[in-house]
N, C-alpha and C. Protein backbone atom coordinates (compact mmCIF):
# COMPACT_ATOMS: atom_id res chain seq x y z
N MET A 1 123.81 96.20 107.12
CA MET A 1 122.63 97.06 106.82
C MET A 1 122.11 97.69 108.13
N LYS A 2 122.14 98.97 108.21
CA LYS A 2 121.66 99.62 109.47
C LYS A 2 120.24 100.15 109.25
N VAL A 3 119.33 99.74 110.07
CA VAL A 3 117.94 100.23 109.90
C VAL A 3 117.58 101.20 111.03
N ARG A 4 116.88 102.26 110.69
CA ARG A 4 116.51 103.25 111.74
C ARG A 4 115.12 102.93 112.30
N PRO A 5 114.87 103.16 113.55
CA PRO A 5 113.56 102.88 114.15
C PRO A 5 112.48 103.79 113.58
N SER A 6 112.91 104.89 112.98
CA SER A 6 111.91 105.83 112.42
C SER A 6 111.44 105.32 111.05
N VAL A 7 112.26 104.49 110.41
CA VAL A 7 111.86 103.97 109.07
C VAL A 7 111.10 102.65 109.23
N LYS A 8 110.09 102.43 108.41
CA LYS A 8 109.32 101.16 108.53
C LYS A 8 109.58 100.29 107.30
N PRO A 9 110.64 99.49 107.32
CA PRO A 9 110.99 98.63 106.17
C PRO A 9 110.05 97.44 106.06
N MET A 10 110.09 96.77 104.90
CA MET A 10 109.19 95.60 104.70
C MET A 10 110.02 94.31 104.80
N CYS A 11 110.67 94.11 105.92
CA CYS A 11 111.47 92.86 106.05
C CYS A 11 111.30 92.31 107.46
N ASP A 12 111.30 91.00 107.57
CA ASP A 12 111.14 90.38 108.91
C ASP A 12 112.41 90.58 109.73
N LYS A 13 113.56 90.62 109.05
CA LYS A 13 114.84 90.77 109.80
C LYS A 13 114.85 92.15 110.46
N CYS A 14 114.30 93.15 109.79
CA CYS A 14 114.31 94.53 110.37
C CYS A 14 113.51 94.50 111.68
N ARG A 15 112.42 93.74 111.68
CA ARG A 15 111.53 93.70 112.88
C ARG A 15 112.33 93.02 114.02
N VAL A 16 113.09 92.03 113.69
CA VAL A 16 113.86 91.32 114.74
C VAL A 16 114.89 92.28 115.34
N ILE A 17 115.55 93.05 114.49
CA ILE A 17 116.57 94.00 115.00
C ILE A 17 115.88 95.03 115.90
N ARG A 18 114.70 95.45 115.50
CA ARG A 18 113.95 96.49 116.28
C ARG A 18 113.62 95.89 117.67
N ARG A 19 113.29 94.66 117.70
CA ARG A 19 112.91 94.02 119.00
C ARG A 19 114.18 93.94 119.88
N LYS A 20 115.29 93.60 119.28
CA LYS A 20 116.54 93.49 120.07
C LYS A 20 117.01 94.90 120.47
N GLY A 21 116.81 95.85 119.59
CA GLY A 21 117.25 97.24 119.88
C GLY A 21 116.38 97.84 120.99
N ARG A 22 115.15 97.38 121.07
CA ARG A 22 114.21 97.97 122.06
C ARG A 22 114.56 97.39 123.41
């Protein structure tokens, strides 16, 4: 599942990926 930083999903895993991507 690829999440974009421009999209704000409602999942804790998405937030973790954003932190690692940042």
